[in-house]
Amino acid sequence: MSSYVLIGNVLLRSGLKKDWMVAVEDDIIVLSDALSSKRSLDYLSNISSDKVYNFDKNIIAPAFIDIHCHSGGGVISHEDPQAVMAYHRKNGTGAMLMTMYRTLGHEVTLEGIEKVKAAMEKDKGILGVHLEGPYLNPALGTAVAADVPRPDKNIYGKYLESGIIKMCTFAPELEGAPEFCRDLVAAGVAAAMGHSAATYDQVHAAVEAGATVVTHVFNASEKTEGPISYRGTKNLDFDEACLLEDGLYYEVICDKRGIHVRPQMIKLLEKTVGKDRIVGITDCYGYDTVEETGEDVNIDEHGDISGSRMNMTCVARNFLALGYSLTDVFAITAYNPACAIGVNDILGEIAEGKRANLLITDEKLSSVRYFEG
């Protein structure tokens, strides 16, 4: 049995605990308590000193969880998921979904799913696949499609049969969307709405069918469906319709300059749905990295954006720069993502019985490293 102890300032969901101890056995947290407690002292008396890691004034925090990521370190998720995981782990991400976009096509998507499935057997940080499509509004998003077929169970059923699809994004306005959503939920998949111009009624129908996530809110959803009844009035757009619904999680691409989502929009989101419903994501896409280019957003010659070059450390720092507390930042980048895809029973926080998915950092997140005992 592999056992070790971490001592330092530990970030729990309730806040930062000074002089705290976390004991791990076989990758599971078996004790989280004040260093001075009897439980801690008893445990320390029975473990070898070379298994005790004292981080003094550093902070022990839950590692990030990224539920929307297409690439990492110059490698695309469906090509080499282990390499993508290795890059993001170096930057504090302990668990993630490999996201596949609608442009891959059916056969490449199936091949990618099989690669991820094989990688999951070697790296438990890879939690599965997020399918971003193919059933998205053809007019919204990068590489827009001329047409999108009606959801076909003979096609998407093959994805679901893999057993590793953890989230799937679809546009609620497409024909057959509610039925598709119900099939996702029945298969244990988090149903996410995005790349959409759905009306309120269509959004509500999707939520009634079991949708629980909004994919990168305030992005690829700027159009409003339906005529304006009176001059000078405004219909609800897709994002506003989603804000009216209860129980949803809202992905946010929080880049440094507020290009994907303006800081004021993040404030509006928080005021409307609360901090515990905000999920920080990278939407990392492409072969260029933030380290190589110094730019954290992909912008083409037309001024269009297609995801980011960020890792989750970038995302966390950007939320911190907006004035969020360290406790809130790690809720947004670790616990809330775990809740959104239904793995908060094993991941997302430092608590007894949860997996030891940990990182070491400081109050300003100037140094972040994944801890491997």
Protein backbone atom coordinates (compact mmCIF):
# COMPACT_ATOMS: atom_id res chain seq x y z
CA MET A 1 0.00 0.00 0.00
CA SER A 2 1.36 3.40 -1.03
CA SER A 3 0.97 5.95 1.78
CA TYR A 4 2.13 9.52 2.26
CA VAL A 5 1.27 12.68 4.16
CA LEU A 6 1.17 16.32 3.07
CA ILE A 7 1.45 19.11 5.63
CA GLY A 8 0.87 22.78 4.96
CA ASN A 9 -1.93 25.23 4.26
CA VAL A 10 -4.75 23.21 2.72
CA LEU A 11 -7.53 24.68 0.58
CA LEU A 12 -10.85 23.04 1.42
CA ARG A 13 -14.22 24.00 -0.01
CA SER A 14 -14.88 25.88 3.23
CA GLY A 15 -11.69 27.92 2.88
CA LEU A 16 -7.95 27.86 3.58
CA LYS A 17 -6.89 25.85 6.62
CA LYS A 18 -3.49 26.64 8.09
CA ASP A 19 -1.31 23.94 9.66
CA TRP A 20 -3.39 21.15 8.15
CA MET A 21 -2.62 17.56 7.28
CA VAL A 22 -3.75 15.35 4.42
CA ALA A 23 -3.00 11.61 4.50
CA VAL A 24 -3.23 9.49 1.37
CA GLU A 25 -3.38 5.73 0.97
CA ASP A 26 -3.49 4.07 -2.44
CA ASP A 27 -4.40 7.39 -4.04
CA ILE A 28 -7.37 7.99 -1.71
CA ILE A 29 -7.51 10.71 0.95
CA VAL A 30 -8.01 8.88 4.24
CA LEU A 31 -7.50 11.81 6.61
CA SER A 32 -7.93 15.59 6.32
CA ASP A 33 -7.62 17.35 9.66
CA ALA A 34 -5.75 19.97 11.68
CA LEU A 35 -2.13 19.00 12.22
CA SER A 36 -2.61 19.35 15.98
CA SER A 37 -5.61 17.01 16.14
CA LYS A 38 -5.33 13.64 17.85
CA ARG A 39 -6.20 11.86 14.62
CA SER A 40 -3.35 13.57 12.79
CA LEU A 41 -0.83 13.03 15.55
CA ASP A 42 -1.76 9.36 15.84
CA TYR A 43 -1.42 8.89 12.09
CA LEU A 44 1.96 10.64 11.98
CA SER A 45 3.29 8.40 14.74
CA ASN A 46 2.76 5.38 12.51
CA ILE A 47 4.23 6.59 9.22
CA SER A 48 7.84 6.84 8.10
CA SER A 49 9.26 10.36 8.06
CA ASP A 50 10.36 9.97 4.43
CA LYS A 51 6.68 9.72 3.50
CA VAL A 52 5.86 13.11 5.01
CA TYR A 53 5.96 16.13 2.69
CA ASN A 54 6.00 19.47 4.48
CA PHE A 55 5.08 22.38 2.25
CA ASP A 56 5.36 24.98 5.02
CA LYS A 57 3.78 28.19 3.68
CA ASN A 58 2.72 26.79 0.31
CA ILE A 59 -0.88 25.86 -0.44
CA ILE A 60 -2.11 22.33 -1.08
CA ALA A 61 -5.19 22.58 -3.31
CA PRO A 62 -7.37 20.31 -5.45
CA ALA A 63 -5.95 19.92 -8.95
CA PHE A 64 -7.86 21.53 -11.79
CA ILE A 65 -10.46 19.65 -13.85
CA ASP A 66 -10.95 20.70 -17.48
CA ILE A 67 -14.13 19.40 -19.06
CA HIS A 68 -13.71 21.20 -22.41
CA CYS A 69 -10.29 20.87 -24.06
CA HIS A 70 -9.36 20.02 -27.65
CA SER A 71 -5.57 20.05 -27.41
CA GLY A 72 -2.45 20.60 -25.33
CA GLY A 73 1.24 21.10 -25.91
CA GLY A 74 0.81 21.19 -29.67
CA VAL A 75 -1.10 17.89 -29.79
CA ILE A 76 -4.79 17.39 -30.65
CA SER A 77 -6.96 15.40 -28.22
CA HIS A 78 -8.19 12.74 -30.62
CA GLU A 79 -4.67 12.12 -31.97
CA ASP A 80 -2.71 11.51 -28.75
CA PRO A 81 -4.81 11.93 -25.59
CA GLN A 82 -1.98 10.83 -23.29
CA ALA A 83 0.30 13.59 -24.59
CA VAL A 84 -2.47 16.13 -24.13
CA MET A 85 -3.02 14.94 -20.56
CA ALA A 86 0.72 15.10 -19.83
CA TYR A 87 0.93 18.72 -20.99
CA HIS A 88 -2.05 19.87 -18.93
CA ARG A 89 -0.96 17.89 -15.87
CA LYS A 90 2.32 19.84 -15.89
CA ASN A 91 0.14 22.93 -15.60
CA GLY A 92 -1.95 21.73 -12.65
CA THR A 93 -4.78 19.82 -14.34
CA GLY A 94 -5.31 16.46 -12.70
CA ALA A 95 -8.34 15.29 -14.66
CA MET A 96 -9.96 16.20 -17.96
CA LEU A 97 -12.23 15.30 -20.84
CA MET A 98 -10.88 15.03 -24.38
CA THR A 99 -13.10 17.22 -26.54
CA MET A 100 -13.84 16.35 -30.17
CA TYR A 101 -15.37 18.96 -32.47
CA ARG A 102 -18.03 18.43 -35.14
CA THR A 103 -15.57 18.86 -38.02
CA LEU A 104 -13.84 15.52 -37.39
CA GLY A 105 -16.50 13.45 -39.10
CA HIS A 106 -17.98 10.15 -38.01
CA GLU A 107 -15.10 7.75 -38.71
CA VAL A 108 -12.38 9.98 -37.24
CA THR A 109 -14.55 10.55 -34.18
CA LEU A 110 -14.94 6.81 -33.69
CA GLU A 111 -11.18 6.33 -34.06
CA GLY A 112 -10.57 9.13 -31.57
CA ILE A 113 -12.95 7.59 -29.06
CA GLU A 114 -11.07 4.30 -29.26
CA LYS A 115 -7.75 6.09 -28.69
CA VAL A 116 -9.14 7.84 -25.63
CA LYS A 117 -10.56 4.58 -24.32
CA ALA A 118 -7.15 2.94 -24.58
CA ALA A 119 -5.47 5.95 -22.97
CA MET A 120 -7.87 5.85 -20.03
CA GLU A 121 -6.51 2.43 -19.09
CA LYS A 122 -3.04 3.96 -18.74
CA ASP A 123 -3.89 7.35 -17.24
CA LYS A 124 -6.74 7.77 -14.76
CA GLY A 125 -6.58 11.53 -15.24
CA ILE A 126 -8.36 11.07 -18.58
CA LEU A 127 -12.02 10.87 -17.59
CA GLY A 128 -13.53 10.30 -21.03
CA VAL A 129 -14.76 12.22 -24.06
CA HIS A 130 -16.71 15.41 -24.59
CA LEU A 131 -18.38 15.43 -28.01
CA GLU A 132 -18.88 19.03 -29.15
CA GLY A 133 -21.31 18.12 -31.88
CA PRO A 134 -21.97 17.01 -34.49
CA TYR A 135 -25.50 18.29 -33.85
CA LEU A 136 -24.82 22.03 -33.61
CA ASN A 137 -26.38 25.03 -35.34
CA PRO A 138 -24.68 25.08 -38.75
CA ALA A 139 -24.41 28.89 -38.72
CA LEU A 140 -22.63 29.19 -35.38
CA GLY A 141 -19.07 28.38 -34.43
CA THR A 142 -15.80 27.85 -36.23
CA ALA A 143 -15.75 25.88 -39.47
CA VAL A 144 -19.51 26.33 -39.85
CA ALA A 145 -21.26 23.52 -41.64
CA ALA A 146 -23.49 23.85 -44.68
CA ASP A 147 -25.99 21.54 -43.07
CA VAL A 148 -26.37 19.40 -39.99
CA PRO A 149 -28.23 16.09 -40.17
CA ARG A 150 -31.01 15.18 -37.79
CA PRO A 151 -29.69 13.19 -34.80
CA ASP A 152 -29.57 9.57 -35.91
CA LYS A 153 -29.43 6.89 -33.23
CA ASN A 154 -27.67 4.55 -35.66
CA ILE A 155 -24.83 7.09 -35.72
CA TYR A 156 -24.65 8.54 -32.21
CA GLY A 157 -25.53 5.18 -30.70
CA LYS A 158 -22.07 3.98 -31.73
CA TYR A 159 -20.52 6.81 -29.71
CA LEU A 160 -22.60 6.00 -26.65
CA GLU A 161 -21.77 2.29 -26.89
CA SER A 162 -18.15 3.12 -26.07
CA GLY A 163 -19.18 3.91 -22.49
CA ILE A 164 -16.70 6.80 -22.23
CA ILE A 165 -18.76 9.73 -23.51
CA LYS A 166 -19.14 11.94 -20.43
CA MET A 167 -20.58 15.07 -22.05
CA CYS A 168 -22.10 15.97 -25.40
CA THR A 169 -22.95 19.43 -26.74
CA PHE A 170 -25.94 19.92 -29.03
CA ALA A 171 -28.14 22.78 -30.29
CA PRO A 172 -31.67 22.55 -28.81
CA GLU A 173 -33.32 24.06 -31.91
CA LEU A 174 -32.42 21.16 -34.19
CA GLU A 175 -35.09 18.67 -35.17
CA GLY A 176 -35.08 15.70 -32.81
CA ALA A 177 -33.02 17.49 -30.15
CA PRO A 178 -35.24 16.59 -27.14
CA GLU A 179 -35.20 12.90 -28.02
CA PHE A 180 -31.43 13.02 -28.52
CA CYS A 181 -31.04 14.73 -25.17
CA ARG A 182 -33.08 12.05 -23.41
CA ASP A 183 -30.89 9.35 -24.97
CA LEU A 184 -27.78 11.13 -23.70
CA VAL A 185 -29.14 11.34 -20.18
CA ALA A 186 -30.23 7.69 -20.24
CA ALA A 187 -26.65 6.76 -21.14
CA GLY A 188 -25.27 8.74 -18.20
CA VAL A 189 -23.94 11.55 -20.39
CA ALA A 190 -24.05 15.20 -19.30
CA ALA A 191 -26.20 16.91 -21.94
CA ALA A 192 -24.79 20.34 -22.83
CA MET A 193 -26.46 23.05 -24.90
CA GLY A 194 -24.32 25.22 -27.15
CA HIS A 195 -23.52 26.62 -30.62
CA SER A 196 -27.16 27.56 -30.62
CA ALA A 197 -29.75 30.15 -31.51
CA ALA A 198 -32.53 28.35 -29.65
CA THR A 199 -35.59 30.16 -28.38
CA TYR A 200 -36.58 30.06 -24.73
CA ASP A 201 -39.15 27.34 -25.42
CA GLN A 202 -36.53 25.19 -27.16
CA VAL A 203 -34.04 25.69 -24.33
CA HIS A 204 -36.71 24.88 -21.78
CA ALA A 205 -37.66 21.71 -23.70
CA ALA A 206 -34.02 20.60 -23.63
CA VAL A 207 -33.79 21.24 -19.88
CA GLU A 208 -36.99 19.28 -19.38
CA ALA A 209 -35.35 16.46 -21.34
CA GLY A 210 -32.37 16.54 -18.98
CA ALA A 211 -29.84 19.12 -20.25
CA THR A 212 -27.63 20.36 -17.39
CA VAL A 213 -24.70 22.25 -18.95
CA VAL A 214 -24.30 25.34 -21.15
CA THR A 215 -21.25 25.08 -23.41
CA HIS A 216 -19.01 28.20 -23.31
CA VAL A 217 -21.79 30.64 -22.42
CA PHE A 218 -21.81 33.94 -24.38
CA ASN A 219 -19.89 32.31 -27.24
CA ALA A 220 -21.09 31.01 -30.64
CA SER A 221 -24.66 31.93 -29.71
CA GLU A 222 -25.08 35.56 -30.63
CA LYS A 223 -28.03 35.16 -33.00
CA THR A 224 -31.65 35.31 -31.93
CA GLU A 225 -34.28 33.18 -33.62
CA GLY A 226 -37.69 34.62 -34.45
CA PRO A 227 -38.88 38.10 -35.49
CA ILE A 228 -39.00 41.03 -33.07
CA SER A 229 -42.64 41.79 -32.45
CA TYR A 230 -42.31 45.54 -31.92
CA ARG A 231 -39.69 48.06 -32.93
CA GLY A 232 -37.38 48.91 -30.06
CA THR A 233 -37.96 45.69 -28.16
CA LYS A 234 -35.71 42.67 -27.79
CA ASN A 235 -36.33 38.96 -27.79
CA LEU A 236 -34.48 36.61 -25.48
CA ASP A 237 -31.35 35.22 -27.06
CA PHE A 238 -30.00 31.74 -26.37
CA ASP A 239 -27.75 32.71 -23.46
CA GLU A 240 -30.47 34.73 -21.74
CA ALA A 241 -32.86 31.82 -22.13
CA CYS A 242 -30.32 29.57 -20.43
CA LEU A 243 -29.88 32.06 -17.57
CA LEU A 244 -33.59 31.73 -16.82
CA GLU A 245 -33.29 28.01 -16.19
CA ASP A 246 -32.43 26.52 -12.79
CA GLY A 247 -29.89 23.79 -12.12
CA LEU A 248 -27.55 24.41 -15.06
CA TYR A 249 -23.77 24.67 -15.07
CA TYR A 250 -22.28 27.38 -17.29
CA GLU A 251 -18.88 26.95 -18.92
CA VAL A 252 -16.78 30.14 -19.14
CA ILE A 253 -13.65 30.68 -21.25
CA CYS A 254 -11.94 33.24 -19.01
CA ASP A 255 -9.04 34.55 -21.09
CA LYS A 256 -6.72 37.32 -19.95
CA ARG A 257 -8.17 40.15 -22.05
CA GLY A 258 -11.82 39.17 -21.74
CA ILE A 259 -12.09 38.43 -25.45
CA HIS A 260 -14.31 35.34 -25.17
CA VAL A 261 -16.32 36.68 -22.24
CA ARG A 262 -16.22 40.27 -21.05
CA PRO A 263 -15.60 40.69 -17.31
CA GLN A 264 -18.97 42.42 -16.99
CA MET A 265 -20.66 39.37 -18.50
CA ILE A 266 -19.00 37.13 -15.94
CA LYS A 267 -20.31 39.44 -13.22
CA LEU A 268 -23.79 39.21 -14.76
CA LEU A 269 -23.53 35.42 -14.85
CA GLU A 270 -22.47 35.28 -11.20
CA LYS A 271 -25.23 37.66 -10.15
CA THR A 272 -27.81 35.59 -12.02
CA VAL A 273 -26.85 31.99 -11.28
CA GLY A 274 -24.26 32.19 -8.47
CA LYS A 275 -20.60 31.23 -8.24
CA ASP A 276 -21.36 27.57 -7.66
CA ARG A 277 -22.72 27.23 -11.21
CA ILE A 278 -19.71 28.70 -13.05
CA VAL A 279 -17.29 26.23 -14.64
CA GLY A 280 -13.92 27.46 -15.86
CA ILE A 281 -12.70 25.77 -19.05
CA THR A 282 -9.77 26.22 -21.43
CA ASP A 283 -11.41 25.31 -24.75
CA CYS A 284 -7.77 24.89 -25.74
CA TYR A 285 -7.62 24.35 -29.49
CA GLY A 286 -4.85 24.00 -32.05
CA TYR A 287 -1.15 23.40 -32.27
CA ASP A 288 0.12 26.71 -30.83
CA THR A 289 0.55 27.06 -27.07
CA VAL A 290 0.44 30.09 -24.82
CA GLU A 291 4.05 29.41 -23.84
CA GLU A 292 5.22 29.58 -27.46
CA THR A 293 3.21 32.59 -28.58
CA GLY A 294 2.46 34.63 -25.47
CA GLU A 295 -1.15 34.81 -26.73
CA ASP A 296 -3.90 32.94 -24.91
CA VAL A 297 -6.62 33.23 -27.58
CA ASN A 298 -6.79 31.96 -31.17
CA ILE A 299 -7.67 34.90 -33.42
CA ASP A 300 -7.59 34.63 -37.24
CA GLU A 301 -7.02 37.33 -39.85
CA HIS A 302 -10.74 38.11 -39.90
CA GLY A 303 -10.87 38.74 -36.17
CA ASP A 304 -12.73 35.50 -35.50
CA ILE A 305 -11.85 33.44 -32.45
CA SER A 306 -11.66 29.66 -32.22
CA GLY A 307 -10.99 28.59 -28.68
CA SER A 308 -7.90 29.38 -26.64
CA ARG A 309 -4.27 28.45 -26.10
CA MET A 310 -4.71 28.34 -22.34
CA ASN A 311 -4.11 25.72 -19.72
CA MET A 312 -6.15 25.70 -16.51
CA THR A 313 -3.48 27.59 -14.59
CA CYS A 314 -4.10 30.49 -17.00
CA VAL A 315 -7.84 30.21 -16.42
CA ALA A 316 -7.44 30.18 -12.63
CA ARG A 317 -5.12 33.20 -12.67
CA ASN A 318 -7.58 35.11 -14.83
CA PHE A 319 -10.45 34.47 -12.42
CA LEU A 320 -8.18 35.51 -9.55
CA ALA A 321 -7.38 38.76 -11.42
CA LEU A 322 -11.12 39.47 -11.65
CA GLY A 323 -11.27 39.58 -7.87
CA TYR A 324 -12.44 36.07 -7.07
CA SER A 325 -11.09 34.60 -3.84
CA LEU A 326 -8.76 31.63 -3.95
CA THR A 327 -11.55 29.46 -2.53
CA ASP A 328 -13.92 30.59 -5.30
CA VAL A 329 -11.28 30.14 -7.99
CA PHE A 330 -10.75 26.49 -7.04
CA ALA A 331 -14.50 25.91 -6.84
CA ILE A 332 -14.78 27.24 -10.40
CA THR A 333 -11.81 25.26 -11.72
CA ALA A 334 -12.08 22.02 -9.75
CA TYR A 335 -15.27 21.34 -7.79
CA ASN A 336 -17.87 22.85 -10.14
CA PRO A 337 -16.44 21.05 -13.21
CA ALA A 338 -16.58 17.79 -11.26
CA CYS A 339 -20.23 18.46 -10.44
CA ALA A 340 -21.06 19.35 -14.05
CA ILE A 341 -20.02 15.91 -15.32
CA GLY A 342 -21.07 13.97 -12.23
CA VAL A 343 -17.69 12.97 -10.80
CA ASN A 344 -17.82 15.12 -7.65
CA ASP A 345 -18.23 11.93 -5.61
CA ILE A 346 -14.58 11.11 -6.32
CA LEU A 347 -12.94 14.36 -7.47
CA GLY A 348 -12.97 18.13 -7.19
CA GLU A 349 -12.07 18.78 -3.55
CA ILE A 350 -9.79 17.73 -0.73
CA ALA A 351 -11.97 15.53 1.43
CA GLU A 352 -11.77 12.11 3.02
CA GLY A 353 -12.79 9.37 0.63
CA LYS A 354 -11.96 11.41 -2.49
CA ARG A 355 -9.14 10.75 -4.93
CA ALA A 356 -5.86 12.50 -4.09
CA ASN A 357 -5.84 14.82 -7.08
CA LEU A 358 -3.65 17.60 -5.72
CA LEU A 359 -1.48 20.53 -6.69
CA ILE A 360 0.94 22.80 -4.85
CA THR A 361 0.74 26.55 -5.30
CA ASP A 362 0.80 29.93 -3.55
CA GLU A 363 -1.78 32.65 -2.87
CA LYS A 364 -1.12 34.39 -6.21
CA LEU A 365 -0.92 31.16 -8.25
CA SER A 366 2.49 32.33 -9.45
CA SER A 367 3.79 28.78 -9.18
CA VAL A 368 1.54 25.79 -9.82
CA ARG A 369 2.60 22.16 -9.97
CA TYR A 370 0.71 18.89 -9.88
CA PHE A 371 1.71 16.73 -6.92
CA GLU A 372 2.58 13.10 -7.59
CA GLY A 373 3.34 11.27 -4.34
